[in-house]
């Protein structure tokens, strides 16, 4: 039996939860079947101000470390290496494309 919430365009709580789950497993977006679902998806997958700030700090720290010849750094108690840097760059690029930062 088909889950009715999947096709119920008024079930916004379901769509918000579905988008949050997709984001939690590192999806970068999702499709929808109705324009009423776009807001929940955009809100979920758009970076927050805190994420943008963190990514900017990570990129700055990494650039400084790279200038010293270091390939990875410890930042905020975490190892920051190329995959983390690439994710931070994608986050900043998305924020720029959405007009959240310049």
PDB file of N, CA and C in Angstrom:
ATOM      1  N   UNK A   1       0.838  -1.180   0.000  1.00  0.00           N
ATOM      2  CA  UNK A   1       0.000   0.000   0.000  1.00  0.00           C
ATOM      3  C   UNK A   1       0.885   1.247   0.000  1.00  0.00           C
ATOM      4  N   UNK A   2       0.576   2.203  -0.833  1.00  0.00           N
ATOM      5  CA  UNK A   2       1.326   3.443  -0.952  1.00  0.00           C
ATOM      6  C   UNK A   2       1.111   4.310   0.282  1.00  0.00           C
ATOM      7  N   UNK A   3       2.194   4.832   0.808  1.00  0.00           N
ATOM      8  CA  UNK A   3       2.087   5.746   1.935  1.00  0.00           C
ATOM      9  C   UNK A   3       1.407   7.021   1.452  1.00  0.00           C
ATOM     10  N   UNK A   4       0.256   7.334   2.006  1.00  0.00           N
ATOM     11  CA  UNK A   4      -0.530   8.478   1.554  1.00  0.00           C
ATOM     12  C   UNK A   4       0.236   9.786   1.706  1.00  0.00           C
ATOM     13  N   UNK A   5       1.093   9.892   2.719  1.00  0.00           N
ATOM     14  CA  UNK A   5       1.840  11.130   2.942  1.00  0.00           C
ATOM     15  C   UNK A   5       2.759  11.449   1.767  1.00  0.00           C
ATOM     16  N   UNK A   6       3.215  10.438   1.058  1.00  0.00           N
ATOM     17  CA  UNK A   6       4.084  10.687  -0.090  1.00  0.00           C
ATOM     18  C   UNK A   6       3.381  11.478  -1.180  1.00  0.00           C
ATOM     19  N   UNK A   7       2.092  11.274  -1.327  1.00  0.00           N
ATOM     20  CA  UNK A   7       1.340  11.942  -2.387  1.00  0.00           C
ATOM     21  C   UNK A   7       0.408  13.021  -1.868  1.00  0.00           C
ATOM     22  N   UNK A   8       0.347  13.202  -0.561  1.00  0.00           N
ATOM     23  CA  UNK A   8      -0.524  14.206   0.044  1.00  0.00           C
ATOM     24  C   UNK A   8       0.210  15.541   0.060  1.00  0.00           C
ATOM     25  N   UNK A   9      -0.126  16.429  -0.876  1.00  0.00           N
ATOM     26  CA  UNK A   9       0.609  17.693  -0.995  1.00  0.00           C
ATOM     27  C   UNK A   9       0.381  18.616   0.200  1.00  0.00           C
ATOM     28  N   UNK A  10      -0.634  18.355   0.992  1.00  0.00           N
ATOM     29  CA  UNK A  10      -0.899  19.169   2.176  1.00  0.00           C
ATOM     30  C   UNK A  10      -0.150  18.669   3.407  1.00  0.00           C
ATOM     31  N   UNK A  11       0.506  17.536   3.311  1.00  0.00           N
ATOM     32  CA  UNK A  11       1.224  16.947   4.455  1.00  0.00           C
ATOM     33  C   UNK A  11       2.606  17.578   4.597  1.00  0.00           C
ATOM     34  N   UNK A  12       2.626  18.885   4.883  1.00  0.00           N
ATOM     35  CA  UNK A  12       3.899  19.601   4.922  1.00  0.00           C
ATOM     36  C   UNK A  12       4.816  19.100   6.027  1.00  0.00           C
ATOM     37  N   UNK A  13       4.254  18.685   7.175  1.00  0.00           N
ATOM     38  CA  UNK A  13       5.098  18.133   8.240  1.00  0.00           C
ATOM     39  C   UNK A  13       5.857  16.914   7.747  1.00  0.00           C
ATOM     40  N   UNK A  14       5.187  16.076   6.973  1.00  0.00           N
ATOM     41  CA  UNK A  14       5.853  14.902   6.416  1.00  0.00           C
ATOM     42  C   UNK A  14       6.986  15.329   5.492  1.00  0.00           C
ATOM     43  N   UNK A  15       6.743  16.302   4.638  1.00  0.00           N
ATOM     44  CA  UNK A  15       7.757  16.719   3.670  1.00  0.00           C
ATOM     45  C   UNK A  15       8.946  17.392   4.357  1.00  0.00           C
ATOM     46  N   UNK A  16       8.684  18.159   5.402  1.00  0.00           N
ATOM     47  CA  UNK A  16       9.779  18.754   6.175  1.00  0.00           C
ATOM     48  C   UNK A  16      10.612  17.643   6.808  1.00  0.00           C
ATOM     49  N   UNK A  17       9.963  16.666   7.410  1.00  0.00           N
ATOM     50  CA  UNK A  17      10.680  15.542   8.021  1.00  0.00           C
ATOM     51  C   UNK A  17      11.460  14.741   6.995  1.00  0.00           C
ATOM     52  N   UNK A  18      10.869  14.530   5.840  1.00  0.00           N
ATOM     53  CA  UNK A  18      11.537  13.802   4.767  1.00  0.00           C
ATOM     54  C   UNK A  18      12.773  14.561   4.296  1.00  0.00           C
ATOM     55  N   UNK A  19      12.650  15.876   4.153  1.00  0.00           N
ATOM     56  CA  UNK A  19      13.788  16.698   3.730  1.00  0.00           C
ATOM     57  C   UNK A  19      14.892  16.678   4.790  1.00  0.00           C
ATOM     58  N   UNK A  20      14.507  16.769   6.051  1.00  0.00           N
ATOM     59  CA  UNK A  20      15.514  16.724   7.128  1.00  0.00           C
ATOM     60  C   UNK A  20      16.244  15.385   7.145  1.00  0.00           C
ATOM     61  N   UNK A  21      15.504  14.316   6.923  1.00  0.00           N
ATOM     62  CA  UNK A  21      16.148  13.003   6.873  1.00  0.00           C
ATOM     63  C   UNK A  21      17.132  12.946   5.700  1.00  0.00           C
ATOM     64  N   UNK A  22      16.714  13.412   4.546  1.00  0.00           N
ATOM     65  CA  UNK A  22      17.596  13.409   3.371  1.00  0.00           C
ATOM     66  C   UNK A  22      18.853  14.225   3.648  1.00  0.00           C
ATOM     67  N   UNK A  23      18.705  15.369   4.293  1.00  0.00           N
ATOM     68  CA  UNK A  23      19.852  16.205   4.643  1.00  0.00           C
ATOM     69  C   UNK A  23      20.757  15.495   5.646  1.00  0.00           C
ATOM     70  N   UNK A  24      20.171  14.786   6.598  1.00  0.00           N
ATOM     71  CA  UNK A  24      20.972  14.115   7.636  1.00  0.00           C
ATOM     72  C   UNK A  24      21.842  12.994   7.080  1.00  0.00           C
ATOM     73  N   UNK A  25      21.448  12.436   5.953  1.00  0.00           N
ATOM     74  CA  UNK A  25      22.257  11.378   5.336  1.00  0.00           C
ATOM     75  C   UNK A  25      23.071  11.931   4.168  1.00  0.00           C
ATOM     76  N   UNK A  26      23.265  13.261   4.199  1.00  0.00           N
ATOM     77  CA  UNK A  26      24.152  13.983   3.283  1.00  0.00           C
ATOM     78  C   UNK A  26      23.650  14.103   1.851  1.00  0.00           C
ATOM     79  N   UNK A  27      22.356  13.961   1.634  1.00  0.00           N
ATOM     80  CA  UNK A  27      21.818  14.305   0.324  1.00  0.00           C
ATOM     81  C   UNK A  27      21.968  15.819   0.182  1.00  0.00           C
ATOM     82  N   UNK A  28      22.070  16.306  -1.023  1.00  0.00           N
ATOM     83  CA  UNK A  28      22.228  17.738  -1.239  1.00  0.00           C
ATOM     84  C   UNK A  28      20.983  18.379  -1.829  1.00  0.00           C
ATOM     85  N   UNK A  29      19.928  17.601  -1.954  1.00  0.00           N
ATOM     86  CA  UNK A  29      18.669  18.113  -2.474  1.00  0.00           C
ATOM     87  C   UNK A  29      17.693  16.969  -2.631  1.00  0.00           C
ATOM     88  N   UNK A  30      16.499  17.306  -3.080  1.00  0.00           N
ATOM     89  CA  UNK A  30      15.490  16.289  -3.322  1.00  0.00           C
ATOM     90  C   UNK A  30      14.448  16.848  -4.273  1.00  0.00           C
ATOM     91  N   UNK A  31      13.684  15.984  -4.847  1.00  0.00           N
ATOM     92  CA  UNK A  31      12.635  16.419  -5.762  1.00  0.00           C
ATOM     93  C   UNK A  31      11.323  16.545  -5.011  1.00  0.00           C
ATOM     94  N   UNK A  32      10.379  17.197  -5.650  1.00  0.00           N
ATOM     95  CA  UNK A  32       9.053  17.335  -5.060  1.00  0.00           C
ATOM     96  C   UNK A  32       8.012  17.166  -6.155  1.00  0.00           C
ATOM     97  N   UNK A  33       6.765  16.994  -5.716  1.00  0.00           N
ATOM     98  CA  UNK A  33       5.696  16.799  -6.696  1.00  0.00           C
ATOM     99  C   UNK A  33       4.743  17.985  -6.754  1.00  0.00           C
ATOM    100  N   UNK A  34       4.971  18.980  -5.895  1.00  0.00           N
ATOM    101  CA  UNK A  34       4.069  20.128  -5.873  1.00  0.00           C
ATOM    102  C   UNK A  34       4.819  21.365  -5.385  1.00  0.00           C
ATOM    103  N   UNK A  35       4.501  22.534  -5.933  1.00  0.00           N
ATOM    104  CA  UNK A  35       5.180  23.767  -5.502  1.00  0.00           C
ATOM    105  C   UNK A  35       5.072  24.056  -4.006  1.00  0.00           C
ATOM    106  N   UNK A  36       4.048  23.562  -3.338  1.00  0.00           N
ATOM    107  CA  UNK A  36       3.904  23.821  -1.899  1.00  0.00           C
ATOM    108  C   UNK A  36       5.017  23.170  -1.086  1.00  0.00           C
ATOM    109  N   UNK A  37       5.736  22.232  -1.679  1.00  0.00           N
ATOM    110  CA  UNK A  37       6.815  21.524  -0.984  1.00  0.00           C
ATOM    111  C   UNK A  37       8.164  22.228  -1.129  1.00  0.00           C
ATOM    112  N   UNK A  38       8.263  23.181  -2.030  1.00  0.00           N
ATOM    113  CA  UNK A  38       9.540  23.829  -2.327  1.00  0.00           C
ATOM    114  C   UNK A  38      10.116  24.554  -1.119  1.00  0.00           C
ATOM    115  N   UNK A  39       9.281  25.262  -0.386  1.00  0.00           N
ATOM    116  CA  UNK A  39       9.769  26.020   0.770  1.00  0.00           C
ATOM    117  C   UNK A  39      10.450  25.136   1.798  1.00  0.00           C
ATOM    118  N   UNK A  40       9.836  24.014   2.126  1.00  0.00           N
ATOM    119  CA  UNK A  40      10.423  23.099   3.114  1.00  0.00           C
ATOM    120  C   UNK A  40      11.753  22.551   2.616  1.00  0.00           C
ATOM    121  N   UNK A  41      11.812  22.228   1.343  1.00  0.00           N
ATOM    122  CA  UNK A  41      13.054  21.689   0.778  1.00  0.00           C
ATOM    123  C   UNK A  41      14.141  22.762   0.759  1.00  0.00           C
ATOM    124  N   UNK A  42      13.805  23.954   0.294  1.00  0.00           N
ATOM    125  CA  UNK A  42      14.804  25.024   0.245  1.00  0.00           C
ATOM    126  C   UNK A  42      15.310  25.383   1.634  1.00  0.00           C
ATOM    127  N   UNK A  43      14.410  25.459   2.594  1.00  0.00           N
ATOM    128  CA  UNK A  43      14.816  25.781   3.962  1.00  0.00           C
ATOM    129  C   UNK A  43      15.748  24.720   4.527  1.00  0.00           C
ATOM    130  N   UNK A  44      15.429  23.469   4.276  1.00  0.00           N
ATOM    131  CA  UNK A  44      16.226  22.371   4.818  1.00  0.00           C
ATOM    132  C   UNK A  44      17.614  22.304   4.207  1.00  0.00           C
ATOM    133  N   UNK A  45      17.710  22.505   2.909  1.00  0.00           N
ATOM    134  CA  UNK A  45      18.995  22.325   2.239  1.00  0.00           C
ATOM    135  C   UNK A  45      19.818  23.603   2.110  1.00  0.00           C
ATOM    136  N   UNK A  46      19.265  24.750   2.488  1.00  0.00           N
ATOM    137  CA  UNK A  46      20.028  25.998   2.471  1.00  0.00           C
ATOM    138  C   UNK A  46      20.885  26.062   3.729  1.00  0.00           C
ATOM    139  N   UNK A  47      22.111  26.548   3.600  1.00  0.00           N
ATOM    140  CA  UNK A  47      22.956  26.635   4.798  1.00  0.00           C
ATOM    141  C   UNK A  47      22.430  27.689   5.767  1.00  0.00           C
ATOM    142  N   UNK A  48      22.614  27.417   7.039  1.00  0.00           N
ATOM    143  CA  UNK A  48      22.232  28.381   8.074  1.00  0.00           C
ATOM    144  C   UNK A  48      23.352  29.402   8.233  1.00  0.00           C
ATOM    145  N   UNK A  49      23.053  30.485   8.918  1.00  0.00           N
ATOM    146  CA  UNK A  49      24.072  31.508   9.188  1.00  0.00           C
ATOM    147  C   UNK A  49      25.233  30.897   9.976  1.00  0.00           C
ATOM    148  N   UNK A  50      24.924  29.993  10.906  1.00  0.00           N
ATOM    149  CA  UNK A  50      25.965  29.354  11.704  1.00  0.00           C
ATOM    150  C   UNK A  50      26.853  28.453  10.835  1.00  0.00           C
ATOM    151  N   UNK A  51      26.239  27.727   9.913  1.00  0.00           N
ATOM    152  CA  UNK A  51      27.025  26.871   9.012  1.00  0.00           C
ATOM    153  C   UNK A  51      27.924  27.701   8.115  1.00  0.00           C
ATOM    154  N   UNK A  52      27.399  28.801   7.613  1.00  0.00           N
ATOM    155  CA  UNK A  52      28.194  29.684   6.761  1.00  0.00           C
ATOM    156  C   UNK A  52      29.374  30.239   7.542  1.00  0.00           C
ATOM    157  N   UNK A  53      29.119  30.719   8.752  1.00  0.00           N
ATOM    158  CA  UNK A  53      30.186  31.273   9.589  1.00  0.00           C
ATOM    159  C   UNK A  53      31.259  30.223   9.869  1.00  0.00           C
ATOM    160  N   UNK A  54      30.835  29.020  10.232  1.00  0.00           N
ATOM    161  CA  UNK A  54      31.789  27.940  10.505  1.00  0.00           C
ATOM    162  C   UNK A  54      32.632  27.627   9.266  1.00  0.00           C
ATOM    163  N   UNK A  55      31.977  27.511   8.122  1.00  0.00           N
ATOM    164  CA  UNK A  55      32.707  27.182   6.892  1.00  0.00           C
ATOM    165  C   UNK A  55      33.703  28.270   6.528  1.00  0.00           C
ATOM    166  N   UNK A  56      33.317  29.521   6.711  1.00  0.00           N
ATOM    167  CA  UNK A  56      34.253  30.613   6.435  1.00  0.00           C
ATOM    168  C   UNK A  56      35.468  30.534   7.349  1.00  0.00           C
ATOM    169  N   UNK A  57      35.247  30.244   8.630  1.00  0.00           N
ATOM    170  CA  UNK A  57      36.364  30.128   9.575  1.00  0.00           C
ATOM    171  C   UNK A  57      37.255  28.937   9.238  1.00  0.00           C
ATOM    172  N   UNK A  58      36.645  27.821   8.870  1.00  0.00           N
ATOM    173  CA  UNK A  58      37.406  26.630   8.489  1.00  0.00           C
ATOM    174  C   UNK A  58      38.266  26.927   7.276  1.00  0.00           C
ATOM    175  N   UNK A  59      37.675  27.555   6.267  1.00  0.00           N
ATOM    176  CA  UNK A  59      38.436  27.861   5.054  1.00  0.00           C
ATOM    177  C   UNK A  59      39.579  28.829   5.332  1.00  0.00           C
ATOM    178  N   UNK A  60      39.345  29.821   6.168  1.00  0.00           N
ATOM    179  CA  UNK A  60      40.406  30.757   6.517  1.00  0.00           C
ATOM    180  C   UNK A  60      41.536  30.041   7.259  1.00  0.00           C
ATOM    181  N   UNK A  61      41.193  29.215   8.239  1.00  0.00           N
ATOM    182  CA  UNK A  61      42.211  28.475   8.994  1.00  0.00           C
ATOM    183  C   UNK A  61      42.985  27.527   8.091  1.00  0.00           C
ATOM    184  N   UNK A  62      42.279  26.894   7.156  1.00  0.00           N
ATOM    185  CA  UNK A  62      42.952  25.968   6.253  1.00  0.00           C
ATOM    186  C   UNK A  62      43.890  26.702   5.303  1.00  0.00           C
ATOM    187  N   UNK A  63      43.454  27.855   4.801  1.00  0.00           N
ATOM    188  CA  UNK A  63      44.328  28.642   3.923  1.00  0.00           C
ATOM    189  C   UNK A  63      45.591  29.074   4.654  1.00  0.00           C
ATOM    190  N   UNK A  64      45.452  29.468   5.910  1.00  0.00           N
ATOM    191  CA  UNK A  64      46.616  29.853   6.711  1.00  0.00           C
ATOM    192  C   UNK A  64      47.540  28.652   6.926  1.00  0.00           C
ATOM    193  N   UNK A  65      46.972  27.497   7.207  1.00  0.00           N
ATOM    194  CA  UNK A  65      47.769  26.285   7.406  1.00  0.00           C
ATOM    195  C   UNK A  65      48.440  25.871   6.106  1.00  0.00           C
ATOM    196  N   UNK A  66      47.713  25.987   5.017  1.00  0.00           N
ATOM    197  CA  UNK A  66      48.265  25.627   3.715  1.00  0.00           C
ATOM    198  C   UNK A  66      49.445  26.525   3.360  1.00  0.00           C
ATOM    199  N   UNK A  67      49.354  27.805   3.705  1.00  0.00           N
ATOM    200  CA  UNK A  67      50.442  28.745   3.453  1.00  0.00           C
ATOM    201  C   UNK A  67      51.696  28.354   4.233  1.00  0.00           C
ATOM    202  N   UNK A  68      51.494  27.707   5.368  1.00  0.00           N
ATOM    203  CA  UNK A  68      52.630  27.224   6.168  1.00  0.00           C
ATOM    204  C   UNK A  68      53.146  25.885   5.661  1.00  0.00           C
ATOM    205  N   UNK A  69      52.420  25.285   4.728  1.00  0.00           N
ATOM    206  CA  UNK A  69      52.821  23.985   4.196  1.00  0.00           C
ATOM    207  C   UNK A  69      52.136  22.808   4.856  1.00  0.00           C
ATOM    208  N   UNK A  70      51.163  23.074   5.715  1.00  0.00           N
ATOM    209  CA  UNK A  70      50.429  22.006   6.374  1.00  0.00           C
ATOM    210  C   UNK A  70      49.282  21.534   5.478  1.00  0.00           C
ATOM    211  N   UNK A  71      49.081  20.225   5.386  1.00  0.00           N
ATOM    212  CA  UNK A  71      48.022  19.675   4.547  1.00  0.00           C
ATOM    213  C   UNK A  71      46.725  19.441   5.280  1.00  0.00           C
ATOM    214  N   UNK A  72      46.767  19.398   6.592  1.00  0.00           N
ATOM    215  CA  UNK A  72      45.559  19.246   7.394  1.00  0.00           C
ATOM    216  C   UNK A  72      45.775  19.983   8.714  1.00  0.00           C
ATOM    217  N   UNK A  73      44.685  20.288   9.378  1.00  0.00           N
ATOM    218  CA  UNK A  73      44.777  21.039  10.626  1.00  0.00           C
ATOM    219  C   UNK A  73      43.767  20.488  11.631  1.00  0.00           C
ATOM    220  N   UNK A  74      43.977  20.850  12.890  1.00  0.00           N
ATOM    221  CA  UNK A  74      42.970  20.621  13.921  1.00  0.00           C
ATOM    222  C   UNK A  74      42.255  21.951  14.110  1.00  0.00           C
ATOM    223  N   UNK A  75      40.944  21.915  14.022  1.00  0.00           N
ATOM    224  CA  UNK A  75      40.152  23.138  14.165  1.00  0.00           C
ATOM    225  C   UNK A  75      38.895  22.791  14.943  1.00  0.00           C
ATOM    226  N   UNK A  76      38.684  23.482  16.052  1.00  0.00           N
ATOM    227  CA  UNK A  76      37.491  23.218  16.855  1.00  0.00           C
ATOM    228  C   UNK A  76      37.411  21.786  17.345  1.00  0.00           C
ATOM    229  N   UNK A  77      38.562  21.166  17.575  1.00  0.00           N
ATOM    230  CA  UNK A  77      38.583  19.793  18.057  1.00  0.00           C
ATOM    231  C   UNK A  77      38.378  18.748  16.975  1.00  0.00           C
ATOM    232  N   UNK A  78      38.398  19.171  15.706  1.00  0.00           N
ATOM    233  CA  UNK A  78      38.202  18.234  14.598  1.00  0.00           C
ATOM    234  C   UNK A  78      39.397  18.285  13.652  1.00  0.00           C
ATOM    235  N   UNK A  79      39.658  17.143  13.031  1.00  0.00           N
ATOM    236  CA  UNK A  79      40.646  17.102  11.961  1.00  0.00           C
ATOM    237  C   UNK A  79      39.996  17.682  10.716  1.00  0.00           C
ATOM    238  N   UNK A  80      40.657  18.662  10.144  1.00  0.00           N
ATOM    239  CA  UNK A  80      40.150  19.298   8.930  1.00  0.00           C
ATOM    240  C   UNK A  80      41.103  18.938   7.794  1.00  0.00           C
ATOM    241  N   UNK A  81      40.588  18.187   6.838  1.00  0.00           N
ATOM    242  CA  UNK A  81      41.402  17.799   5.688  1.00  0.00           C
ATOM    243  C   UNK A  81      40.634  18.109   4.412  1.00  0.00           C
ATOM    244  N   UNK A  82      41.140  17.654   3.287  1.00  0.00           N
ATOM    245  CA  UNK A  82      40.562  18.020   1.981  1.00  0.00           C
ATOM    246  C   UNK A  82      39.056  17.753   1.848  1.00  0.00           C
ATOM    247  N   UNK A  83      38.528  16.600   2.244  1.00  0.00           N
ATOM    248  CA  UNK A  83      37.079  16.400   2.092  1.00  0.00           C
ATOM    249  C   UNK A  83      36.245  17.418   2.877  1.00  0.00           C
ATOM    250  N   UNK A  84      36.695  17.781   4.064  1.00  0.00           N
ATOM    251  CA  UNK A  84      35.981  18.778   4.864  1.00  0.00           C
ATOM    252  C   UNK A  84      36.073  20.140   4.192  1.00  0.00           C
ATOM    253  N   UNK A  85      37.238  20.453   3.655  1.00  0.00           N
ATOM    254  CA  UNK A  85      37.434  21.725   2.958  1.00  0.00           C
ATOM    255  C   UNK A  85      36.536  21.810   1.732  1.00  0.00           C
ATOM    256  N   UNK A  86      36.461  20.739   0.976  1.00  0.00           N
ATOM    257  CA  UNK A  86      35.604  20.747  -0.223  1.00  0.00           C
ATOM    258  C   UNK A  86      34.138  20.930   0.153  1.00  0.00           C
ATOM    259  N   UNK A  87      33.702  20.305   1.225  1.00  0.00           N
ATOM    260  CA  UNK A  87      32.320  20.481   1.679  1.00  0.00           C
ATOM    261  C   UNK A  87      32.088  21.926   2.123  1.00  0.00           C
ATOM    262  N   UNK A  88      33.074  22.513   2.811  1.00  0.00           N
ATOM    263  CA  UNK A  88      32.952  23.912   3.233  1.00  0.00           C
ATOM    264  C   UNK A  88      32.877  24.833   2.013  1.00  0.00           C
ATOM    265  N   UNK A  89      33.685  24.567   1.007  1.00  0.00           N
ATOM    266  CA  UNK A  89      33.648  25.376  -0.225  1.00  0.00           C
ATOM    267  C   UNK A  89      32.294  25.266  -0.918  1.00  0.00           C
ATOM    268  N   UNK A  90      31.741  24.055  -0.981  1.00  0.00           N
ATOM    269  CA  UNK A  90      30.423  23.879  -1.598  1.00  0.00           C
ATOM    270  C   UNK A  90      29.349  24.641  -0.820  1.00  0.00           C
ATOM    271  N   UNK A  91      29.447  24.627   0.494  1.00  0.00           N
ATOM    272  CA  UNK A  91      28.489  25.355   1.331  1.00  0.00           C
ATOM    273  C   UNK A  91      28.576  26.852   1.052  1.00  0.00           C
ATOM    274  N   UNK A  92      29.795  27.377   0.988  1.00  0.00           N
ATOM    275  CA  UNK A  92      29.979  28.806   0.713  1.00  0.00           C
ATOM    276  C   UNK A  92      29.497  29.145  -0.692  1.00  0.00           C
ATOM    277  N   UNK A  93      29.796  28.294  -1.663  1.00  0.00           N
ATOM    278  CA  UNK A  93      29.323  28.530  -3.031  1.00  0.00           C
ATOM    279  C   UNK A  93      27.796  28.550  -3.087  1.00  0.00           C
ATOM    280  N   UNK A  94      27.161  27.641  -2.358  1.00  0.00           N
ATOM    281  CA  UNK A  94      25.697  27.620  -2.328  1.00  0.00           C
ATOM    282  C   UNK A  94      25.168  28.893  -1.703  1.00  0.00           C
ATOM    283  N   UNK A  95      25.755  29.304  -0.590  1.00  0.00           N
ATOM    284  CA  UNK A  95      25.316  30.520   0.080  1.00  0.00           C
ATOM    285  C   UNK A  95      25.452  31.734  -0.841  1.00  0.00           C
ATOM    286  N   UNK A  96      26.526  31.778  -1.600  1.00  0.00           N
ATOM    287  CA  UNK A  96      26.708  32.874  -2.568  1.00  0.00           C
ATOM    288  C   UNK A  96      25.647  32.820  -3.660  1.00  0.00           C
ATOM    289  N   UNK A  97      25.391  31.626  -4.172  1.00  0.00           N
ATOM    290  CA  UNK A  97      24.401  31.500  -5.254  1.00  0.00           C
ATOM    291  C   UNK A  97      22.999  31.851  -4.789  1.00  0.00           C
ATOM    292  N   UNK A  98      22.736  31.677  -3.488  1.00  0.00           N
ATOM    293  CA  UNK A  98      21.425  32.022  -2.928  1.00  0.00           C
ATOM    294  C   UNK A  98      21.357  33.476  -2.469  1.00  0.00           C
ATOM    295  N   UNK A  99      22.462  34.195  -2.611  1.00  0.00           N
ATOM    296  CA  UNK A  99      22.499  35.595  -2.199  1.00  0.00           C
ATOM    297  C   UNK A  99      22.587  35.780  -0.698  1.00  0.00           C
ATOM    298  N   UNK A 100      23.012  34.733   0.019  1.00  0.00           N
ATOM    299  CA  UNK A 100      23.113  34.818   1.473  1.00  0.00           C
ATOM    300  C   UNK A 100      24.376  35.542   1.912  1.00  0.00           C
ATOM    301  N   UNK A 101      25.410  35.479   1.076  1.00  0.00           N
ATOM    302  CA  UNK A 101      26.671  36.191   1.292  1.00  0.00           C
ATOM    303  C   UNK A 101      27.182  36.665  -0.059  1.00  0.00           C
ATOM    304  N   UNK A 102      28.155  37.537  -0.020  1.00  0.00           N
ATOM    305  CA  UNK A 102      28.732  38.025  -1.282  1.00  0.00           C
ATOM    306  C   UNK A 102      30.050  37.370  -1.573  1.00  0.00           C
TER     307      UNK A 102
END
